[in-house]
């Protein structure tokens, strides 16, 4: 199953940090998200893009996982030569991850 089948994302970026919140459509799927969408799996999924640490924060009250990825935007949105290095693009990619 692909992540987008049970969750959606909200994103933000600040400087060279990308923040992706993965939010379960149904709270009953939140335990599966916590089990399958780990720091290690997200770090490996973005290994060619994210050069810094990845941290995960669990928000049980809204059935969400918040990933903070440092050194993830090629120097920052306004400094990168990449066509589109915004967090929105990364969240779209994450939703295609197999879980």
PDB file of N, CA and C in Angstrom:
ATOM      1  N   UNK A   1       0.846  -1.171   0.000  1.00  0.00           N
ATOM      2  CA  UNK A   1       0.000   0.000   0.000  1.00  0.00           C
ATOM      3  C   UNK A   1       0.893   1.236   0.000  1.00  0.00           C
ATOM      4  N   UNK A   2       0.464   2.263  -0.693  1.00  0.00           N
ATOM      5  CA  UNK A   2       1.191   3.529  -0.708  1.00  0.00           C
ATOM      6  C   UNK A   2       0.677   4.410   0.429  1.00  0.00           C
ATOM      7  N   UNK A   3       1.562   5.220   0.964  1.00  0.00           N
ATOM      8  CA  UNK A   3       1.232   6.073   2.098  1.00  0.00           C
ATOM      9  C   UNK A   3       0.013   6.946   1.824  1.00  0.00           C
ATOM     10  N   UNK A   4      -0.127   7.463   0.610  1.00  0.00           N
ATOM     11  CA  UNK A   4      -1.236   8.379   0.310  1.00  0.00           C
ATOM     12  C   UNK A   4      -2.608   7.721   0.428  1.00  0.00           C
ATOM     13  N   UNK A   5      -2.644   6.392   0.503  1.00  0.00           N
ATOM     14  CA  UNK A   5      -3.916   5.699   0.637  1.00  0.00           C
ATOM     15  C   UNK A   5      -4.527   5.859   2.037  1.00  0.00           C
ATOM     16  N   UNK A   6      -3.679   6.147   3.043  1.00  0.00           N
ATOM     17  CA  UNK A   6      -4.200   6.287   4.403  1.00  0.00           C
ATOM     18  C   UNK A   6      -3.842   7.614   5.074  1.00  0.00           C
ATOM     19  N   UNK A   7      -3.104   8.482   4.341  1.00  0.00           N
ATOM     20  CA  UNK A   7      -2.663   9.732   4.973  1.00  0.00           C
ATOM     21  C   UNK A   7      -2.507  10.842   3.938  1.00  0.00           C
ATOM     22  N   UNK A   8      -2.459  12.055   4.464  1.00  0.00           N
ATOM     23  CA  UNK A   8      -2.136  13.223   3.645  1.00  0.00           C
ATOM     24  C   UNK A   8      -1.051  13.996   4.365  1.00  0.00           C
ATOM     25  N   UNK A   9      -0.507  15.028   3.741  1.00  0.00           N
ATOM     26  CA  UNK A   9       0.608  15.780   4.323  1.00  0.00           C
ATOM     27  C   UNK A   9       0.331  17.278   4.353  1.00  0.00           C
ATOM     28  N   UNK A  10       0.955  17.921   5.301  1.00  0.00           N
ATOM     29  CA  UNK A  10       1.077  19.375   5.359  1.00  0.00           C
ATOM     30  C   UNK A  10       2.568  19.647   5.470  1.00  0.00           C
ATOM     31  N   UNK A  11       3.019  20.734   4.899  1.00  0.00           N
ATOM     32  CA  UNK A  11       4.456  20.973   4.862  1.00  0.00           C
ATOM     33  C   UNK A  11       4.814  22.409   5.204  1.00  0.00           C
ATOM     34  N   UNK A  12       6.087  22.578   5.453  1.00  0.00           N
ATOM     35  CA  UNK A  12       6.637  23.902   5.653  1.00  0.00           C
ATOM     36  C   UNK A  12       8.135  23.824   5.462  1.00  0.00           C
ATOM     37  N   UNK A  13       8.756  24.939   5.201  1.00  0.00           N
ATOM     38  CA  UNK A  13      10.201  24.967   5.119  1.00  0.00           C
ATOM     39  C   UNK A  13      10.688  26.290   5.671  1.00  0.00           C
ATOM     40  N   UNK A  14      11.855  26.222   6.266  1.00  0.00           N
ATOM     41  CA  UNK A  14      12.484  27.404   6.834  1.00  0.00           C
ATOM     42  C   UNK A  14      13.970  27.258   6.584  1.00  0.00           C
ATOM     43  N   UNK A  15      14.500  28.136   5.759  1.00  0.00           N
ATOM     44  CA  UNK A  15      15.912  28.023   5.429  1.00  0.00           C
ATOM     45  C   UNK A  15      16.178  26.705   4.722  1.00  0.00           C
ATOM     46  N   UNK A  16      17.038  25.897   5.316  1.00  0.00           N
ATOM     47  CA  UNK A  16      17.429  24.624   4.730  1.00  0.00           C
ATOM     48  C   UNK A  16      16.763  23.445   5.450  1.00  0.00           C
ATOM     49  N   UNK A  17      15.676  23.721   6.174  1.00  0.00           N
ATOM     50  CA  UNK A  17      14.951  22.701   6.929  1.00  0.00           C
ATOM     51  C   UNK A  17      13.579  22.494   6.300  1.00  0.00           C
ATOM     52  N   UNK A  18      13.239  21.216   6.084  1.00  0.00           N
ATOM     53  CA  UNK A  18      11.920  20.868   5.576  1.00  0.00           C
ATOM     54  C   UNK A  18      11.150  20.152   6.680  1.00  0.00           C
ATOM     55  N   UNK A  19       9.909  20.540   6.866  1.00  0.00           N
ATOM     56  CA  UNK A  19       9.039  19.922   7.867  1.00  0.00           C
ATOM     57  C   UNK A  19       7.845  19.318   7.136  1.00  0.00           C
ATOM     58  N   UNK A  20       7.633  18.018   7.346  1.00  0.00           N
ATOM     59  CA  UNK A  20       6.510  17.327   6.726  1.00  0.00           C
ATOM     60  C   UNK A  20       5.682  16.666   7.816  1.00  0.00           C
ATOM     61  N   UNK A  21       4.405  17.010   7.873  1.00  0.00           N
ATOM     62  CA  UNK A  21       3.471  16.340   8.777  1.00  0.00           C
ATOM     63  C   UNK A  21       2.684  15.326   7.974  1.00  0.00           C
ATOM     64  N   UNK A  22       2.678  14.094   8.455  1.00  0.00           N
ATOM     65  CA  UNK A  22       1.923  13.005   7.840  1.00  0.00           C
ATOM     66  C   UNK A  22       0.717  12.754   8.737  1.00  0.00           C
ATOM     67  N   UNK A  23      -0.478  12.956   8.193  1.00  0.00           N
ATOM     68  CA  UNK A  23      -1.705  12.934   8.996  1.00  0.00           C
ATOM     69  C   UNK A  23      -2.626  11.829   8.488  1.00  0.00           C
ATOM     70  N   UNK A  24      -3.010  10.941   9.389  1.00  0.00           N
ATOM     71  CA  UNK A  24      -3.906   9.841   9.018  1.00  0.00           C
ATOM     72  C   UNK A  24      -5.287  10.387   8.676  1.00  0.00           C
ATOM     73  N   UNK A  25      -5.877   9.864   7.605  1.00  0.00           N
ATOM     74  CA  UNK A  25      -7.261  10.209   7.286  1.00  0.00           C
ATOM     75  C   UNK A  25      -8.193   9.682   8.372  1.00  0.00           C
ATOM     76  N   UNK A  26      -7.894   8.499   8.854  1.00  0.00           N
ATOM     77  CA  UNK A  26      -8.717   7.814   9.851  1.00  0.00           C
ATOM     78  C   UNK A  26      -7.822   7.517  11.056  1.00  0.00           C
ATOM     79  N   UNK A  27      -8.230   7.945  12.237  1.00  0.00           N
ATOM     80  CA  UNK A  27      -7.410   7.735  13.440  1.00  0.00           C
ATOM     81  C   UNK A  27      -7.116   6.257  13.690  1.00  0.00           C
ATOM     82  N   UNK A  28      -7.957   5.379  13.157  1.00  0.00           N
ATOM     83  CA  UNK A  28      -7.723   3.946  13.324  1.00  0.00           C
ATOM     84  C   UNK A  28      -6.469   3.476  12.579  1.00  0.00           C
ATOM     85  N   UNK A  29      -5.986   4.254  11.629  1.00  0.00           N
ATOM     86  CA  UNK A  29      -4.779   3.904  10.876  1.00  0.00           C
ATOM     87  C   UNK A  29      -3.510   4.496  11.483  1.00  0.00           C
ATOM     88  N   UNK A  30      -3.652   5.256  12.561  1.00  0.00           N
ATOM     89  CA  UNK A  30      -2.502   5.956  13.118  1.00  0.00           C
ATOM     90  C   UNK A  30      -1.440   5.000  13.666  1.00  0.00           C
ATOM     91  N   UNK A  31      -1.850   3.912  14.281  1.00  0.00           N
ATOM     92  CA  UNK A  31      -0.870   2.945  14.794  1.00  0.00           C
ATOM     93  C   UNK A  31      -0.038   2.364  13.652  1.00  0.00           C
ATOM     94  N   UNK A  32      -0.671   2.107  12.523  1.00  0.00           N
ATOM     95  CA  UNK A  32       0.051   1.618  11.347  1.00  0.00           C
ATOM     96  C   UNK A  32       1.056   2.662  10.864  1.00  0.00           C
ATOM     97  N   UNK A  33       0.650   3.923  10.843  1.00  0.00           N
ATOM     98  CA  UNK A  33       1.579   4.995  10.451  1.00  0.00           C
ATOM     99  C   UNK A  33       2.787   5.023  11.374  1.00  0.00           C
ATOM    100  N   UNK A  34       2.555   4.965  12.679  1.00  0.00           N
ATOM    101  CA  UNK A  34       3.662   5.010  13.637  1.00  0.00           C
ATOM    102  C   UNK A  34       4.614   3.828  13.439  1.00  0.00           C
ATOM    103  N   UNK A  35       4.061   2.688  13.089  1.00  0.00           N
ATOM    104  CA  UNK A  35       4.878   1.497  12.888  1.00  0.00           C
ATOM    105  C   UNK A  35       5.654   1.545  11.577  1.00  0.00           C
ATOM    106  N   UNK A  36       5.042   2.006  10.518  1.00  0.00           N
ATOM    107  CA  UNK A  36       5.630   1.910   9.178  1.00  0.00           C
ATOM    108  C   UNK A  36       6.410   3.140   8.724  1.00  0.00           C
ATOM    109  N   UNK A  37       6.040   4.315   9.210  1.00  0.00           N
ATOM    110  CA  UNK A  37       6.686   5.551   8.748  1.00  0.00           C
ATOM    111  C   UNK A  37       7.669   6.002   9.833  1.00  0.00           C
ATOM    112  N   UNK A  38       8.812   5.338   9.841  1.00  0.00           N
ATOM    113  CA  UNK A  38       9.824   5.567  10.872  1.00  0.00           C
ATOM    114  C   UNK A  38      10.856   6.597  10.405  1.00  0.00           C
ATOM    115  N   UNK A  39      11.642   7.057  11.349  1.00  0.00           N
ATOM    116  CA  UNK A  39      12.745   7.968  11.014  1.00  0.00           C
ATOM    117  C   UNK A  39      13.671   7.291  10.005  1.00  0.00           C
ATOM    118  N   UNK A  40      14.008   6.048  10.262  1.00  0.00           N
ATOM    119  CA  UNK A  40      14.938   5.329   9.397  1.00  0.00           C
ATOM    120  C   UNK A  40      14.387   5.194   7.979  1.00  0.00           C
ATOM    121  N   UNK A  41      13.109   4.879   7.880  1.00  0.00           N
ATOM    122  CA  UNK A  41      12.525   4.693   6.550  1.00  0.00           C
ATOM    123  C   UNK A  41      12.462   6.022   5.794  1.00  0.00           C
ATOM    124  N   UNK A  42      12.093   7.106   6.479  1.00  0.00           N
ATOM    125  CA  UNK A  42      12.032   8.426   5.829  1.00  0.00           C
ATOM    126  C   UNK A  42      13.442   8.885   5.456  1.00  0.00           C
ATOM    127  N   UNK A  43      14.411   8.695   6.347  1.00  0.00           N
ATOM    128  CA  UNK A  43      15.791   9.078   6.042  1.00  0.00           C
ATOM    129  C   UNK A  43      16.291   8.311   4.815  1.00  0.00           C
ATOM    130  N   UNK A  44      16.033   7.012   4.769  1.00  0.00           N
ATOM    131  CA  UNK A  44      16.464   6.207   3.623  1.00  0.00           C
ATOM    132  C   UNK A  44      15.735   6.626   2.350  1.00  0.00           C
ATOM    133  N   UNK A  45      14.447   6.929   2.459  1.00  0.00           N
ATOM    134  CA  UNK A  45      13.641   7.327   1.304  1.00  0.00           C
ATOM    135  C   UNK A  45      14.191   8.609   0.660  1.00  0.00           C
ATOM    136  N   UNK A  46      14.675   9.528   1.499  1.00  0.00           N
ATOM    137  CA  UNK A  46      15.200  10.807   1.005  1.00  0.00           C
ATOM    138  C   UNK A  46      16.729  10.870   1.070  1.00  0.00           C
ATOM    139  N   UNK A  47      17.403   9.722   1.064  1.00  0.00           N
ATOM    140  CA  UNK A  47      18.857   9.697   1.265  1.00  0.00           C
ATOM    141  C   UNK A  47      19.645  10.528   0.258  1.00  0.00           C
ATOM    142  N   UNK A  48      19.119  10.705  -0.939  1.00  0.00           N
ATOM    143  CA  UNK A  48      19.826  11.492  -1.945  1.00  0.00           C
ATOM    144  C   UNK A  48      19.539  12.986  -1.833  1.00  0.00           C
ATOM    145  N   UNK A  49      18.594  13.351  -0.990  1.00  0.00           N
ATOM    146  CA  UNK A  49      18.187  14.753  -0.869  1.00  0.00           C
ATOM    147  C   UNK A  49      18.525  15.327   0.500  1.00  0.00           C
ATOM    148  N   UNK A  50      18.162  14.612   1.545  1.00  0.00           N
ATOM    149  CA  UNK A  50      18.342  15.102   2.915  1.00  0.00           C
ATOM    150  C   UNK A  50      19.732  14.711   3.400  1.00  0.00           C
ATOM    151  N   UNK A  51      20.538  15.718   3.719  1.00  0.00           N
ATOM    152  CA  UNK A  51      21.922  15.482   4.124  1.00  0.00           C
ATOM    153  C   UNK A  51      22.115  15.577   5.635  1.00  0.00           C
ATOM    154  N   UNK A  52      21.132  16.091   6.357  1.00  0.00           N
ATOM    155  CA  UNK A  52      21.242  16.245   7.803  1.00  0.00           C
ATOM    156  C   UNK A  52      20.352  15.264   8.543  1.00  0.00           C
ATOM    157  N   UNK A  53      20.235  15.468   9.857  1.00  0.00           N
ATOM    158  CA  UNK A  53      19.411  14.576  10.667  1.00  0.00           C
ATOM    159  C   UNK A  53      17.921  14.696  10.355  1.00  0.00           C
ATOM    160  N   UNK A  54      17.216  13.598  10.627  1.00  0.00           N
ATOM    161  CA  UNK A  54      15.758  13.559  10.511  1.00  0.00           C
ATOM    162  C   UNK A  54      15.210  13.241  11.893  1.00  0.00           C
ATOM    163  N   UNK A  55      14.294  14.057  12.368  1.00  0.00           N
ATOM    164  CA  UNK A  55      13.637  13.815  13.646  1.00  0.00           C
ATOM    165  C   UNK A  55      12.150  13.629  13.420  1.00  0.00           C
ATOM    166  N   UNK A  56      11.543  12.790  14.269  1.00  0.00           N
ATOM    167  CA  UNK A  56      10.097  12.548  14.170  1.00  0.00           C
ATOM    168  C   UNK A  56       9.448  12.886  15.498  1.00  0.00           C
ATOM    169  N   UNK A  57       8.353  13.625  15.413  1.00  0.00           N
ATOM    170  CA  UNK A  57       7.552  13.969  16.579  1.00  0.00           C
ATOM    171  C   UNK A  57       6.165  13.383  16.378  1.00  0.00           C
ATOM    172  N   UNK A  58       5.672  12.716  17.393  1.00  0.00           N
ATOM    173  CA  UNK A  58       4.366  12.076  17.325  1.00  0.00           C
ATOM    174  C   UNK A  58       3.321  12.980  17.947  1.00  0.00           C
ATOM    175  N   UNK A  59       2.256  13.253  17.198  1.00  0.00           N
ATOM    176  CA  UNK A  59       1.162  14.108  17.669  1.00  0.00           C
ATOM    177  C   UNK A  59      -0.098  13.246  17.774  1.00  0.00           C
ATOM    178  N   UNK A  60      -0.190  12.511  18.879  1.00  0.00           N
ATOM    179  CA  UNK A  60      -1.290  11.563  19.052  1.00  0.00           C
ATOM    180  C   UNK A  60      -2.660  12.215  18.975  1.00  0.00           C
ATOM    181  N   UNK A  61      -2.784  13.428  19.496  1.00  0.00           N
ATOM    182  CA  UNK A  61      -4.095  14.083  19.547  1.00  0.00           C
ATOM    183  C   UNK A  61      -4.684  14.405  18.176  1.00  0.00           C
ATOM    184  N   UNK A  62      -3.835  14.489  17.150  1.00  0.00           N
ATOM    185  CA  UNK A  62      -4.345  14.744  15.794  1.00  0.00           C
ATOM    186  C   UNK A  62      -3.943  13.642  14.816  1.00  0.00           C
ATOM    187  N   UNK A  63      -3.477  12.503  15.352  1.00  0.00           N
ATOM    188  CA  UNK A  63      -3.090  11.344  14.542  1.00  0.00           C
ATOM    189  C   UNK A  63      -2.098  11.730  13.447  1.00  0.00           C
ATOM    190  N   UNK A  64      -1.015  12.412  13.863  1.00  0.00           N
ATOM    191  CA  UNK A  64      -0.034  12.905  12.898  1.00  0.00           C
ATOM    192  C   UNK A  64       1.388  12.609  13.349  1.00  0.00           C
ATOM    193  N   UNK A  65       2.263  12.483  12.378  1.00  0.00           N
ATOM    194  CA  UNK A  65       3.696  12.389  12.600  1.00  0.00           C
ATOM    195  C   UNK A  65       4.327  13.611  11.956  1.00  0.00           C
ATOM    196  N   UNK A  66       5.203  14.269  12.685  1.00  0.00           N
ATOM    197  CA  UNK A  66       5.846  15.474  12.175  1.00  0.00           C
ATOM    198  C   UNK A  66       7.336  15.170  11.983  1.00  0.00           C
ATOM    199  N   UNK A  67       7.803  15.235  10.747  1.00  0.00           N
ATOM    200  CA  UNK A  67       9.202  14.986  10.432  1.00  0.00           C
ATOM    201  C   UNK A  67       9.916  16.304  10.173  1.00  0.00           C
ATOM    202  N   UNK A  68      11.021  16.508  10.874  1.00  0.00           N
ATOM    203  CA  UNK A  68      11.856  17.690  10.686  1.00  0.00           C
ATOM    204  C   UNK A  68      13.159  17.197  10.066  1.00  0.00           C
ATOM    205  N   UNK A  69      13.409  17.633   8.830  1.00  0.00           N
ATOM    206  CA  UNK A  69      14.574  17.168   8.078  1.00  0.00           C
ATOM    207  C   UNK A  69      15.515  18.346   7.833  1.00  0.00           C
ATOM    208  N   UNK A  70      16.711  18.240   8.410  1.00  0.00           N
ATOM    209  CA  UNK A  70      17.692  19.312   8.293  1.00  0.00           C
ATOM    210  C   UNK A  70      18.590  19.105   7.082  1.00  0.00           C
ATOM    211  N   UNK A  71      19.114  20.209   6.581  1.00  0.00           N
ATOM    212  CA  UNK A  71      19.972  20.198   5.386  1.00  0.00           C
ATOM    213  C   UNK A  71      19.268  19.428   4.266  1.00  0.00           C
ATOM    214  N   UNK A  72      18.025  19.848   4.007  1.00  0.00           N
ATOM    215  CA  UNK A  72      17.153  19.107   3.098  1.00  0.00           C
ATOM    216  C   UNK A  72      16.783  19.861   1.830  1.00  0.00           C
ATOM    217  N   UNK A  73      17.127  21.125   1.746  1.00  0.00           N
ATOM    218  CA  UNK A  73      16.632  21.931   0.625  1.00  0.00           C
ATOM    219  C   UNK A  73      17.755  22.536  -0.206  1.00  0.00           C
ATOM    220  N   UNK A  74      18.866  21.842  -0.298  1.00  0.00           N
ATOM    221  CA  UNK A  74      19.963  22.296  -1.146  1.00  0.00           C
ATOM    222  C   UNK A  74      20.513  23.655  -0.777  1.00  0.00           C
ATOM    223  N   UNK A  75      20.558  23.966   0.506  1.00  0.00           N
ATOM    224  CA  UNK A  75      21.053  25.260   0.980  1.00  0.00           C
ATOM    225  C   UNK A  75      19.941  26.213   1.350  1.00  0.00           C
ATOM    226  N   UNK A  76      18.734  25.879   1.034  1.00  0.00           N
ATOM    227  CA  UNK A  76      17.586  26.738   1.337  1.00  0.00           C
ATOM    228  C   UNK A  76      16.830  27.053   0.068  1.00  0.00           C
ATOM    229  N   UNK A  77      15.567  27.311   0.221  1.00  0.00           N
ATOM    230  CA  UNK A  77      14.693  27.515  -0.939  1.00  0.00           C
ATOM    231  C   UNK A  77      15.207  28.628  -1.850  1.00  0.00           C
ATOM    232  N   UNK A  78      15.652  29.717  -1.281  1.00  0.00           N
ATOM    233  CA  UNK A  78      16.089  30.847  -2.111  1.00  0.00           C
ATOM    234  C   UNK A  78      17.540  30.725  -2.567  1.00  0.00           C
ATOM    235  N   UNK A  79      18.286  29.729  -2.035  1.00  0.00           N
ATOM    236  CA  UNK A  79      19.693  29.582  -2.396  1.00  0.00           C
ATOM    237  C   UNK A  79      19.956  28.410  -3.315  1.00  0.00           C
ATOM    238  N   UNK A  80      19.017  27.500  -3.414  1.00  0.00           N
ATOM    239  CA  UNK A  80      19.220  26.285  -4.192  1.00  0.00           C
ATOM    240  C   UNK A  80      19.064  26.557  -5.683  1.00  0.00           C
ATOM    241  N   UNK A  81      19.821  25.826  -6.478  1.00  0.00           N
ATOM    242  CA  UNK A  81      19.695  25.912  -7.929  1.00  0.00           C
ATOM    243  C   UNK A  81      18.680  24.905  -8.463  1.00  0.00           C
ATOM    244  N   UNK A  82      18.127  24.078  -7.570  1.00  0.00           N
ATOM    245  CA  UNK A  82      17.140  23.080  -7.990  1.00  0.00           C
ATOM    246  C   UNK A  82      15.869  23.771  -8.466  1.00  0.00           C
ATOM    247  N   UNK A  83      15.193  23.139  -9.400  1.00  0.00           N
ATOM    248  CA  UNK A  83      13.972  23.707  -9.958  1.00  0.00           C
ATOM    249  C   UNK A  83      12.912  23.947  -8.888  1.00  0.00           C
ATOM    250  N   UNK A  84      12.680  22.945  -8.020  1.00  0.00           N
ATOM    251  CA  UNK A  84      11.684  23.114  -6.961  1.00  0.00           C
ATOM    252  C   UNK A  84      12.091  22.296  -5.755  1.00  0.00           C
ATOM    253  N   UNK A  85      12.626  22.941  -4.745  1.00  0.00           N
ATOM    254  CA  UNK A  85      13.087  22.260  -3.546  1.00  0.00           C
ATOM    255  C   UNK A  85      12.205  22.567  -2.351  1.00  0.00           C
ATOM    256  N   UNK A  86      10.990  23.001  -2.581  1.00  0.00           N
ATOM    257  CA  UNK A  86      10.101  23.302  -1.465  1.00  0.00           C
ATOM    258  C   UNK A  86       9.625  22.023  -0.794  1.00  0.00           C
ATOM    259  N   UNK A  87       9.234  22.140   0.478  1.00  0.00           N
ATOM    260  CA  UNK A  87       8.715  21.002   1.215  1.00  0.00           C
ATOM    261  C   UNK A  87       7.489  20.379   0.581  1.00  0.00           C
ATOM    262  N   UNK A  88       6.717  21.174  -0.136  1.00  0.00           N
ATOM    263  CA  UNK A  88       5.510  20.646  -0.793  1.00  0.00           C
ATOM    264  C   UNK A  88       5.876  19.546  -1.777  1.00  0.00           C
ATOM    265  N   UNK A  89       6.955  19.722  -2.481  1.00  0.00           N
ATOM    266  CA  UNK A  89       7.406  18.718  -3.427  1.00  0.00           C
ATOM    267  C   UNK A  89       7.853  17.459  -2.700  1.00  0.00           C
ATOM    268  N   UNK A  90       8.567  17.626  -1.593  1.00  0.00           N
ATOM    269  CA  UNK A  90       9.024  16.474  -0.829  1.00  0.00           C
ATOM    270  C   UNK A  90       7.857  15.714  -0.218  1.00  0.00           C
ATOM    271  N   UNK A  91       6.828  16.420   0.219  1.00  0.00           N
ATOM    272  CA  UNK A  91       5.677  15.719   0.809  1.00  0.00           C
ATOM    273  C   UNK A  91       4.934  14.912  -0.245  1.00  0.00           C
ATOM    274  N   UNK A  92       4.835  15.428  -1.436  1.00  0.00           N
ATOM    275  CA  UNK A  92       4.216  14.683  -2.523  1.00  0.00           C
ATOM    276  C   UNK A  92       4.985  13.406  -2.822  1.00  0.00           C
ATOM    277  N   UNK A  93       6.299  13.504  -2.777  1.00  0.00           N
ATOM    278  CA  UNK A  93       7.146  12.322  -2.998  1.00  0.00           C
ATOM    279  C   UNK A  93       6.955  11.322  -1.865  1.00  0.00           C
ATOM    280  N   UNK A  94       6.918  11.812  -0.623  1.00  0.00           N
ATOM    281  CA  UNK A  94       6.752  10.925   0.525  1.00  0.00           C
ATOM    282  C   UNK A  94       5.440  10.150   0.464  1.00  0.00           C
ATOM    283  N   UNK A  95       4.394  10.780  -0.019  1.00  0.00           N
ATOM    284  CA  UNK A  95       3.097  10.104  -0.096  1.00  0.00           C
ATOM    285  C   UNK A  95       3.104   8.927  -1.074  1.00  0.00           C
ATOM    286  N   UNK A  96       4.125   8.836  -1.920  1.00  0.00           N
ATOM    287  CA  UNK A  96       4.250   7.708  -2.848  1.00  0.00           C
ATOM    288  C   UNK A  96       5.069   6.564  -2.247  1.00  0.00           C
ATOM    289  N   UNK A  97       5.496   6.730  -0.999  1.00  0.00           N
ATOM    290  CA  UNK A  97       6.299   5.696  -0.336  1.00  0.00           C
ATOM    291  C   UNK A  97       5.448   4.467  -0.035  1.00  0.00           C
ATOM    292  N   UNK A  98       6.023   3.301  -0.294  1.00  0.00           N
ATOM    293  CA  UNK A  98       5.382   2.028   0.026  1.00  0.00           C
ATOM    294  C   UNK A  98       5.485   1.788   1.525  1.00  0.00           C
ATOM    295  N   UNK A  99       4.356   1.462   2.141  1.00  0.00           N
ATOM    296  CA  UNK A  99       4.376   1.155   3.584  1.00  0.00           C
ATOM    297  C   UNK A  99       3.869  -0.252   3.839  1.00  0.00           C
TER     298      UNK A  99
END
